Amino acid sequence: RLVEEHDFGEGFKRYEHRLSRSPIHQHMVCIECGHVEEFESPELPAIEARTAREFGFRPTRHRLEIYGLCRSCQEAGVTLTPEGLSCPIEVV
């Protein structure tokens, strides 16, 4: 596939070409402004492999999306409240 489709729940889909990017990366999505930050983590493939082995699972693909507030929105004073969130806020 030359293009990968992403649906971050914004009411529209985003498309990313697969030719000039690293093959394994994840996304952080700002729930305030919609900014999407791509990141790579060398630890994630090892975690995926270990977890799959533990459960006798054979993964064919995976997707990790982290939702929260980007640096710019936090610096602008945007805050999160528990109302309307699908899971409780936990400071990591």
N, C-alpha and C. Protein backbone atom coordinates (compact mmCIF):
# COMPACT_ATOMS: atom_id res chain seq x y z
N ARG A 1 0.83 -1.19 0.00
CA ARG A 1 0.00 0.00 0.00
C ARG A 1 0.88 1.25 0.00
N LEU A 2 0.49 2.21 -0.78
CA LEU A 2 1.25 3.45 -0.86
C LEU A 2 0.74 4.49 0.12
N VAL A 3 -0.53 4.37 0.54
CA VAL A 3 -1.15 5.36 1.41
C VAL A 3 -1.79 4.65 2.59
N GLU A 4 -1.67 5.27 3.76
CA GLU A 4 -2.30 4.72 4.96
C GLU A 4 -3.35 5.72 5.45
N GLU A 5 -4.53 5.21 5.77
CA GLU A 5 -5.63 6.05 6.24
C GLU A 5 -5.62 6.11 7.76
N HIS A 6 -5.85 7.31 8.31
CA HIS A 6 -5.94 7.50 9.76
C HIS A 6 -7.25 8.21 10.08
N ASP A 7 -7.97 7.69 11.05
CA ASP A 7 -9.20 8.31 11.52
C ASP A 7 -9.02 8.59 13.01
N PHE A 8 -8.77 9.84 13.36
CA PHE A 8 -8.55 10.24 14.74
C PHE A 8 -9.82 10.75 15.40
N GLY A 9 -10.99 10.44 14.82
CA GLY A 9 -12.26 10.83 15.41
C GLY A 9 -12.57 12.31 15.29
N GLU A 10 -12.05 12.95 14.27
CA GLU A 10 -12.24 14.39 14.09
C GLU A 10 -13.37 14.72 13.12
N GLY A 11 -14.01 13.70 12.56
CA GLY A 11 -15.05 13.94 11.57
C GLY A 11 -14.52 13.90 10.15
N PHE A 12 -13.23 13.69 9.98
CA PHE A 12 -12.64 13.54 8.66
C PHE A 12 -11.45 12.58 8.79
N LYS A 13 -10.98 12.10 7.66
CA LYS A 13 -9.85 11.15 7.67
C LYS A 13 -8.60 11.84 7.17
N ARG A 14 -7.49 11.39 7.67
CA ARG A 14 -6.19 11.88 7.22
C ARG A 14 -5.50 10.75 6.46
N TYR A 15 -4.69 11.12 5.48
CA TYR A 15 -3.97 10.13 4.69
C TYR A 15 -2.48 10.44 4.73
N GLU A 16 -1.71 9.39 4.86
CA GLU A 16 -0.27 9.54 5.00
C GLU A 16 0.41 8.62 3.98
N HIS A 17 1.28 9.21 3.16
CA HIS A 17 1.98 8.35 2.19
C HIS A 17 3.05 7.55 2.93
N ARG A 18 3.34 6.39 2.43
CA ARG A 18 4.24 5.47 3.11
C ARG A 18 5.62 5.40 2.47
N LEU A 19 5.92 6.28 1.54
CA LEU A 19 7.17 6.17 0.79
C LEU A 19 8.38 6.75 1.52
N SER A 20 8.22 7.92 2.13
CA SER A 20 9.40 8.60 2.67
C SER A 20 9.39 8.73 4.19
N ARG A 21 8.61 7.91 4.87
CA ARG A 21 8.60 7.99 6.32
C ARG A 21 9.12 6.69 6.90
N SER A 22 9.51 6.75 8.15
CA SER A 22 9.96 5.51 8.78
C SER A 22 8.77 4.57 8.89
N PRO A 23 8.97 3.28 8.74
CA PRO A 23 7.84 2.36 8.69
C PRO A 23 7.08 2.23 10.00
N ILE A 24 7.76 2.40 11.13
CA ILE A 24 7.06 2.22 12.41
C ILE A 24 7.08 3.54 13.17
N HIS A 25 5.93 4.16 13.27
CA HIS A 25 5.80 5.35 14.11
C HIS A 25 4.39 5.41 14.64
N GLN A 26 4.20 6.18 15.68
CA GLN A 26 2.92 6.30 16.36
C GLN A 26 2.47 7.75 16.31
N HIS A 27 1.28 8.01 16.85
CA HIS A 27 0.73 9.36 16.80
C HIS A 27 0.24 9.83 18.16
N MET A 28 0.50 11.10 18.46
CA MET A 28 -0.10 11.79 19.60
C MET A 28 -1.03 12.85 19.00
N VAL A 29 -2.29 12.87 19.44
CA VAL A 29 -3.30 13.73 18.86
C VAL A 29 -3.81 14.70 19.92
N CYS A 30 -3.75 16.00 19.64
CA CYS A 30 -4.26 17.00 20.56
C CYS A 30 -5.78 17.08 20.43
N ILE A 31 -6.48 16.88 21.54
CA ILE A 31 -7.94 16.90 21.50
C ILE A 31 -8.50 18.32 21.48
N GLU A 32 -7.64 19.31 21.62
CA GLU A 32 -8.08 20.70 21.58
C GLU A 32 -7.93 21.29 20.18
N CYS A 33 -6.73 21.25 19.62
CA CYS A 33 -6.48 21.90 18.33
C CYS A 33 -6.35 20.93 17.17
N GLY A 34 -6.25 19.62 17.45
CA GLY A 34 -6.16 18.63 16.39
C GLY A 34 -4.76 18.36 15.88
N HIS A 35 -3.76 19.02 16.45
CA HIS A 35 -2.38 18.79 16.02
C HIS A 35 -2.02 17.32 16.21
N VAL A 36 -1.34 16.75 15.22
CA VAL A 36 -0.90 15.36 15.30
C VAL A 36 0.63 15.35 15.27
N GLU A 37 1.20 14.76 16.29
CA GLU A 37 2.66 14.63 16.39
C GLU A 37 3.03 13.17 16.16
N GLU A 38 3.94 12.93 15.25
CA GLU A 38 4.43 11.56 15.01
C GLU A 38 5.65 11.33 15.90
N PHE A 39 5.78 10.10 16.40
CA PHE A 39 6.96 9.77 17.19
C PHE A 39 7.34 8.32 16.97
N GLU A 40 8.60 8.03 17.21
CA GLU A 40 9.11 6.66 17.13
C GLU A 40 9.57 6.26 18.52
N SER A 41 9.37 5.01 18.87
CA SER A 41 9.84 4.49 20.14
C SER A 41 10.43 3.11 19.92
N PRO A 42 11.74 2.96 20.13
CA PRO A 42 12.36 1.66 19.91
C PRO A 42 11.87 0.59 20.90
N GLU A 43 11.26 1.00 22.00
CA GLU A 43 10.78 0.04 23.00
C GLU A 43 9.48 -0.64 22.57
N LEU A 44 8.65 0.02 21.78
CA LEU A 44 7.33 -0.52 21.47
C LEU A 44 7.34 -1.86 20.73
N PRO A 45 8.18 -2.06 19.71
CA PRO A 45 8.19 -3.38 19.06
C PRO A 45 8.53 -4.52 20.03
N ALA A 46 9.45 -4.27 20.95
CA ALA A 46 9.81 -5.30 21.93
C ALA A 46 8.65 -5.59 22.87
N ILE A 47 7.93 -4.55 23.29
CA ILE A 47 6.76 -4.74 24.16
C ILE A 47 5.69 -5.52 23.42
N GLU A 48 5.46 -5.16 22.16
CA GLU A 48 4.46 -5.86 21.36
C GLU A 48 4.82 -7.34 21.21
N ALA A 49 6.07 -7.63 20.89
CA ALA A 49 6.50 -9.02 20.70
C ALA A 49 6.39 -9.82 22.00
N ARG A 50 6.82 -9.23 23.10
CA ARG A 50 6.75 -9.91 24.40
C ARG A 50 5.31 -10.20 24.79
N THR A 51 4.44 -9.22 24.63
CA THR A 51 3.03 -9.39 24.99
C THR A 51 2.37 -10.43 24.09
N ALA A 52 2.65 -10.40 22.81
CA ALA A 52 2.08 -11.38 21.89
C ALA A 52 2.53 -12.80 22.27
N ARG A 53 3.81 -12.95 22.58
CA ARG A 53 4.32 -14.26 23.01
C ARG A 53 3.61 -14.74 24.27
N GLU A 54 3.46 -13.85 25.23
CA GLU A 54 2.82 -14.18 26.51
C GLU A 54 1.41 -14.71 26.32
N PHE A 55 0.68 -14.15 25.38
CA PHE A 55 -0.71 -14.54 25.15
C PHE A 55 -0.87 -15.53 23.99
N GLY A 56 0.23 -15.95 23.39
CA GLY A 56 0.14 -16.85 22.25
C GLY A 56 -0.55 -16.20 21.07
N PHE A 57 -0.32 -14.91 20.90
CA PHE A 57 -1.01 -14.13 19.88
C PHE A 57 -0.04 -13.85 18.74
N ARG A 58 -0.57 -13.84 17.53
CA ARG A 58 0.25 -13.55 16.35
C ARG A 58 -0.26 -12.27 15.70
N PRO A 59 0.33 -11.13 16.04
CA PRO A 59 -0.16 -9.86 15.50
C PRO A 59 0.14 -9.70 14.01
N THR A 60 -0.77 -9.06 13.32
CA THR A 60 -0.55 -8.74 11.91
C THR A 60 -0.34 -7.25 11.70
N ARG A 61 -0.83 -6.45 12.60
CA ARG A 61 -0.63 -5.00 12.56
C ARG A 61 -1.01 -4.44 13.92
N HIS A 62 -0.65 -3.20 14.16
CA HIS A 62 -1.05 -2.53 15.39
C HIS A 62 -1.14 -1.04 15.14
N ARG A 63 -1.80 -0.37 16.08
CA ARG A 63 -1.92 1.09 16.00
C ARG A 63 -1.93 1.63 17.42
N LEU A 64 -1.11 2.63 17.68
CA LEU A 64 -1.10 3.29 18.97
C LEU A 64 -1.35 4.77 18.74
N GLU A 65 -2.39 5.28 19.35
CA GLU A 65 -2.71 6.70 19.29
C GLU A 65 -2.85 7.20 20.72
N ILE A 66 -2.14 8.26 21.04
CA ILE A 66 -2.21 8.86 22.37
C ILE A 66 -2.93 10.19 22.23
N TYR A 67 -3.99 10.37 23.00
CA TYR A 67 -4.79 11.59 22.94
C TYR A 67 -4.56 12.42 24.20
N GLY A 68 -4.50 13.73 24.02
CA GLY A 68 -4.29 14.63 25.15
C GLY A 68 -4.14 16.05 24.64
N LEU A 69 -3.38 16.86 25.37
CA LEU A 69 -3.16 18.25 25.00
C LEU A 69 -1.72 18.44 24.54
N CYS A 70 -1.56 19.09 23.40
CA CYS A 70 -0.21 19.37 22.89
C CYS A 70 0.43 20.47 23.74
N ARG A 71 1.71 20.64 23.55
CA ARG A 71 2.48 21.64 24.29
C ARG A 71 1.89 23.05 24.10
N SER A 72 1.54 23.40 22.85
CA SER A 72 1.02 24.74 22.58
C SER A 72 -0.28 25.01 23.32
N CYS A 73 -1.18 24.05 23.33
CA CYS A 73 -2.46 24.23 24.02
C CYS A 73 -2.24 24.33 25.53
N GLN A 74 -1.33 23.51 26.07
CA GLN A 74 -1.04 23.60 27.49
C GLN A 74 -0.45 24.96 27.84
N GLU A 75 0.47 25.45 27.01
CA GLU A 75 1.08 26.76 27.25
C GLU A 75 0.06 27.88 27.12
N ALA A 76 -0.99 27.66 26.32
CA ALA A 76 -2.06 28.66 26.17
C ALA A 76 -3.06 28.60 27.32
N GLY A 77 -2.86 27.66 28.25
CA GLY A 77 -3.72 27.58 29.43
C GLY A 77 -4.89 26.63 29.31
N VAL A 78 -4.97 25.86 28.23
CA VAL A 78 -6.06 24.89 28.09
C VAL A 78 -5.86 23.80 29.13
N THR A 79 -6.94 23.42 29.79
CA THR A 79 -6.88 22.35 30.79
C THR A 79 -7.93 21.30 30.48
N LEU A 80 -7.77 20.13 31.06
CA LEU A 80 -8.73 19.04 30.89
C LEU A 80 -9.53 18.87 32.16
N THR A 81 -10.79 18.53 31.99
CA THR A 81 -11.63 18.16 33.13
C THR A 81 -12.17 16.77 32.85
N PRO A 82 -12.53 16.02 33.90
CA PRO A 82 -13.01 14.65 33.70
C PRO A 82 -14.31 14.55 32.92
N GLU A 83 -15.14 15.58 32.92
CA GLU A 83 -16.42 15.53 32.22
C GLU A 83 -16.21 15.31 30.73
N GLY A 84 -16.90 14.32 30.20
CA GLY A 84 -16.85 14.08 28.77
C GLY A 84 -15.70 13.20 28.30
N LEU A 85 -14.78 12.87 29.19
CA LEU A 85 -13.68 12.00 28.78
C LEU A 85 -14.11 10.55 28.92
N SER A 86 -13.59 9.70 28.05
CA SER A 86 -13.97 8.29 28.08
C SER A 86 -13.22 7.50 29.13
N CYS A 87 -12.17 8.08 29.69
CA CYS A 87 -11.45 7.41 30.77
C CYS A 87 -10.94 8.48 31.73
N PRO A 88 -10.67 8.12 32.96
CA PRO A 88 -10.22 9.12 33.92
C PRO A 88 -8.86 9.70 33.54
N ILE A 89 -8.63 10.91 33.98
CA ILE A 89 -7.34 11.57 33.75
C ILE A 89 -6.33 10.97 34.72
N GLU A 90 -5.21 10.57 34.19
CA GLU A 90 -4.14 10.05 35.04
C GLU A 90 -2.86 10.75 34.62
N VAL A 91 -2.19 11.36 35.57
CA VAL A 91 -0.93 12.02 35.27
C VAL A 91 0.15 10.97 35.19
N VAL A 92 0.85 10.95 34.08
CA VAL A 92 1.90 9.94 33.86
C VAL A 92 3.24 10.59 34.02
